Amino acid sequence: MKTVSIITAKIDSKIWPLIRDGKKHYEVRTTPFRGAHFIHYVDSIHGYNLGTFALGASYLIDRSEINCGDIPREFAFTLSGVTREEFDTFFLRDRTTFYVAHILQQVTELNDIFAEEAEQ
């Protein structure tokens, strides 16, 4: 038996092409990924299903943990793959804790999620 965790994330439609085309490699959020294996993206305005991707390792970036001023915010911005203006719109200036997960390959069918289970 295999337990799989899939989270759903609303995203701005301008960001979707970056993910779909493999130009955005990390998902940056203000809530933890809680061990999720996959992320399913939906359009933040219309709720359209956009796509599902496998997630790799996730990390906490927190100013209180590393005591280094604004570096966590800058590091999260660098990993985000979006413009400074978009980042500052998505994350209020006083935000100092970020959760980051590596975006891996796109999953096109539910069977892809359970492929390794079927092979056993």
C-alpha atoms as a PDB file:
ATOM      1  CA  MET A   1       0.000   0.000   0.000  1.00  0.00           C
ATOM      2  CA  LYS A   2       1.156   3.526  -0.748  1.00  0.00           C
ATOM      3  CA  THR A   3       0.041   6.738   0.955  1.00  0.00           C
ATOM      4  CA  VAL A   4       0.276   9.835  -1.212  1.00  0.00           C
ATOM      5  CA  SER A   5      -0.272  13.439  -0.207  1.00  0.00           C
ATOM      6  CA  ILE A   6      -1.421  15.925  -2.850  1.00  0.00           C
ATOM      7  CA  ILE A   7      -1.859  19.597  -2.015  1.00  0.00           C
ATOM      8  CA  THR A   8      -3.799  22.092  -4.087  1.00  0.00           C
ATOM      9  CA  ALA A   9      -2.367  25.544  -4.669  1.00  0.00           C
ATOM     10  CA  LYS A  10      -4.044  28.539  -6.255  1.00  0.00           C
ATOM     11  CA  ILE A  11      -1.701  30.469  -8.530  1.00  0.00           C
ATOM     12  CA  ASP A  12      -1.845  33.567 -10.665  1.00  0.00           C
ATOM     13  CA  SER A  13      -2.372  32.626 -14.318  1.00  0.00           C
ATOM     14  CA  LYS A  14       0.788  34.592 -15.234  1.00  0.00           C
ATOM     15  CA  ILE A  15       2.877  32.186 -13.131  1.00  0.00           C
ATOM     16  CA  TRP A  16       1.518  28.968 -14.651  1.00  0.00           C
ATOM     17  CA  PRO A  17       3.541  29.121 -17.916  1.00  0.00           C
ATOM     18  CA  LEU A  18       6.768  29.372 -15.867  1.00  0.00           C
ATOM     19  CA  ILE A  19       5.901  26.159 -14.040  1.00  0.00           C
ATOM     20  CA  ARG A  20       4.512  24.341 -17.076  1.00  0.00           C
ATOM     21  CA  ASP A  21       7.555  25.206 -19.198  1.00  0.00           C
ATOM     22  CA  GLY A  22      10.048  24.202 -16.479  1.00  0.00           C
ATOM     23  CA  LYS A  23      11.357  27.734 -15.866  1.00  0.00           C
ATOM     24  CA  LYS A  24      10.159  27.923 -12.254  1.00  0.00           C
ATOM     25  CA  HIS A  25      11.895  25.241 -10.196  1.00  0.00           C
ATOM     26  CA  TYR A  26      10.744  26.012  -6.654  1.00  0.00           C
ATOM     27  CA  GLU A  27       7.375  26.597  -5.046  1.00  0.00           C
ATOM     28  CA  VAL A  28       7.525  29.250  -2.312  1.00  0.00           C
ATOM     29  CA  ARG A  29       4.680  29.440   0.192  1.00  0.00           C
ATOM     30  CA  THR A  30       3.873  30.825   3.640  1.00  0.00           C
ATOM     31  CA  THR A  31       2.448  27.524   4.898  1.00  0.00           C
ATOM     32  CA  PRO A  32       4.341  24.243   5.195  1.00  0.00           C
ATOM     33  CA  PHE A  33       4.057  21.521   2.572  1.00  0.00           C
ATOM     34  CA  ARG A  34       3.640  18.915   5.343  1.00  0.00           C
ATOM     35  CA  GLY A  35       5.372  16.143   3.448  1.00  0.00           C
ATOM     36  CA  ALA A  36       3.264  16.502   0.290  1.00  0.00           C
ATOM     37  CA  HIS A  37       4.402  14.365  -2.620  1.00  0.00           C
ATOM     38  CA  PHE A  38       2.527  16.298  -5.311  1.00  0.00           C
ATOM     39  CA  ILE A  39       1.108  19.753  -5.894  1.00  0.00           C
ATOM     40  CA  HIS A  40      -1.980  20.403  -8.008  1.00  0.00           C
ATOM     41  CA  TYR A  41      -2.250  23.926  -9.392  1.00  0.00           C
ATOM     42  CA  VAL A  42      -5.524  25.746 -10.008  1.00  0.00           C
ATOM     43  CA  ASP A  43      -6.107  29.208 -11.453  1.00  0.00           C
ATOM     44  CA  SER A  44      -6.575  31.670  -8.578  1.00  0.00           C
ATOM     45  CA  ILE A  45      -9.317  33.642 -10.347  1.00  0.00           C
ATOM     46  CA  HIS A  46     -11.408  31.043 -12.188  1.00  0.00           C
ATOM     47  CA  GLY A  47     -10.474  27.830 -10.368  1.00  0.00           C
ATOM     48  CA  TYR A  48      -9.454  26.038 -13.582  1.00  0.00           C
ATOM     49  CA  ASN A  49      -7.304  22.943 -13.144  1.00  0.00           C
ATOM     50  CA  LEU A  50      -3.868  23.723 -14.533  1.00  0.00           C
ATOM     51  CA  GLY A  51      -1.710  20.710 -13.765  1.00  0.00           C
ATOM     52  CA  THR A  52      -0.055  18.480 -11.193  1.00  0.00           C
ATOM     53  CA  PHE A  53       3.657  18.164 -10.428  1.00  0.00           C
ATOM     54  CA  ALA A  54       5.726  15.903  -8.220  1.00  0.00           C
ATOM     55  CA  LEU A  55       7.474  17.676  -5.350  1.00  0.00           C
ATOM     56  CA  GLY A  56      11.005  17.065  -4.179  1.00  0.00           C
ATOM     57  CA  ALA A  57      12.613  18.111  -0.934  1.00  0.00           C
ATOM     58  CA  SER A  58      11.060  20.978   1.001  1.00  0.00           C
ATOM     59  CA  TYR A  59      12.782  23.500   3.240  1.00  0.00           C
ATOM     60  CA  LEU A  60      11.982  26.087   5.870  1.00  0.00           C
ATOM     61  CA  ILE A  61      13.606  29.487   5.400  1.00  0.00           C
ATOM     62  CA  ASP A  62      13.162  31.506   8.565  1.00  0.00           C
ATOM     63  CA  ARG A  63      14.911  34.630   9.829  1.00  0.00           C
ATOM     64  CA  SER A  64      14.570  33.587  13.484  1.00  0.00           C
ATOM     65  CA  GLU A  65      16.340  30.300  12.753  1.00  0.00           C
ATOM     66  CA  ILE A  66      19.387  31.789  11.059  1.00  0.00           C
ATOM     67  CA  ASN A  67      19.394  35.295  12.593  1.00  0.00           C
ATOM     68  CA  CYS A  68      20.534  37.105   9.481  1.00  0.00           C
ATOM     69  CA  GLY A  69      18.265  40.059   8.789  1.00  0.00           C
ATOM     70  CA  ASP A  70      16.544  40.124   5.401  1.00  0.00           C
ATOM     71  CA  ILE A  71      18.549  37.261   3.860  1.00  0.00           C
ATOM     72  CA  PRO A  72      15.713  34.671   4.126  1.00  0.00           C
ATOM     73  CA  ARG A  73      13.369  36.943   2.164  1.00  0.00           C
ATOM     74  CA  GLU A  74      16.004  37.561  -0.505  1.00  0.00           C
ATOM     75  CA  PHE A  75      16.809  33.860  -0.741  1.00  0.00           C
ATOM     76  CA  ALA A  76      13.110  32.986  -1.060  1.00  0.00           C
ATOM     77  CA  PHE A  77      12.758  35.656  -3.764  1.00  0.00           C
ATOM     78  CA  THR A  78      15.718  34.196  -5.676  1.00  0.00           C
ATOM     79  CA  LEU A  79      14.194  30.719  -5.590  1.00  0.00           C
ATOM     80  CA  SER A  80      10.673  31.911  -6.417  1.00  0.00           C
ATOM     81  CA  GLY A  81      11.288  32.420 -10.135  1.00  0.00           C
ATOM     82  CA  VAL A  82       9.015  35.476 -10.259  1.00  0.00           C
ATOM     83  CA  THR A  83       9.720  39.187 -10.594  1.00  0.00           C
ATOM     84  CA  ARG A  84      10.412  41.360  -7.548  1.00  0.00           C
ATOM     85  CA  GLU A  85       7.085  43.133  -8.031  1.00  0.00           C
ATOM     86  CA  GLU A  86       5.176  39.824  -8.133  1.00  0.00           C
ATOM     87  CA  PHE A  87       7.050  38.505  -5.095  1.00  0.00           C
ATOM     88  CA  ASP A  88       6.299  41.624  -3.069  1.00  0.00           C
ATOM     89  CA  THR A  89       2.635  41.387  -4.102  1.00  0.00           C
ATOM     90  CA  PHE A  90       2.400  37.726  -3.045  1.00  0.00           C
ATOM     91  CA  PHE A  91       4.358  38.115   0.201  1.00  0.00           C
ATOM     92  CA  LEU A  92       3.915  41.106   2.498  1.00  0.00           C
ATOM     93  CA  ARG A  93       7.125  42.953   3.317  1.00  0.00           C
ATOM     94  CA  ASP A  94       7.154  41.818   6.958  1.00  0.00           C
ATOM     95  CA  ARG A  95       7.031  38.128   5.972  1.00  0.00           C
ATOM     96  CA  THR A  96      10.180  36.409   7.296  1.00  0.00           C
ATOM     97  CA  THR A  97       9.209  32.730   7.159  1.00  0.00           C
ATOM     98  CA  PHE A  98       8.963  30.836   3.880  1.00  0.00           C
ATOM     99  CA  TYR A  99       8.465  27.212   2.920  1.00  0.00           C
ATOM    100  CA  VAL A 100      10.134  26.122  -0.293  1.00  0.00           C
ATOM    101  CA  ALA A 101       9.705  22.879  -2.240  1.00  0.00           C
ATOM    102  CA  HIS A 102      11.498  21.691  -5.347  1.00  0.00           C
ATOM    103  CA  ILE A 103       9.106  21.286  -8.297  1.00  0.00           C
ATOM    104  CA  LEU A 104       9.877  18.099 -10.210  1.00  0.00           C
ATOM    105  CA  GLN A 105       8.213  16.511 -13.258  1.00  0.00           C
ATOM    106  CA  GLN A 106       4.636  17.063 -14.342  1.00  0.00           C
ATOM    107  CA  VAL A 107       2.165  14.245 -13.719  1.00  0.00           C
ATOM    108  CA  THR A 108      -0.333  13.892 -16.526  1.00  0.00           C
ATOM    109  CA  GLU A 109      -2.348  10.918 -15.279  1.00  0.00           C
ATOM    110  CA  LEU A 110      -3.309   9.587 -11.891  1.00  0.00           C
ATOM    111  CA  ASN A 111      -1.668   6.294 -12.889  1.00  0.00           C
ATOM    112  CA  ASP A 112       1.685   8.134 -12.989  1.00  0.00           C
ATOM    113  CA  ILE A 113       1.396   8.797  -9.272  1.00  0.00           C
ATOM    114  CA  PHE A 114       0.955   5.125  -8.499  1.00  0.00           C
ATOM    115  CA  ALA A 115       3.250   3.693 -11.211  1.00  0.00           C
ATOM    116  CA  GLU A 116       5.933   2.426  -8.826  1.00  0.00           C
ATOM    117  CA  GLU A 117       3.275   0.711  -6.667  1.00  0.00           C
ATOM    118  CA  ALA A 118       1.939  -1.138  -9.735  1.00  0.00           C
ATOM    119  CA  GLU A 119       5.427  -2.323 -10.692  1.00  0.00           C
ATOM    120  CA  GLN A 120       5.927  -4.125  -7.365  1.00  0.00           C
END
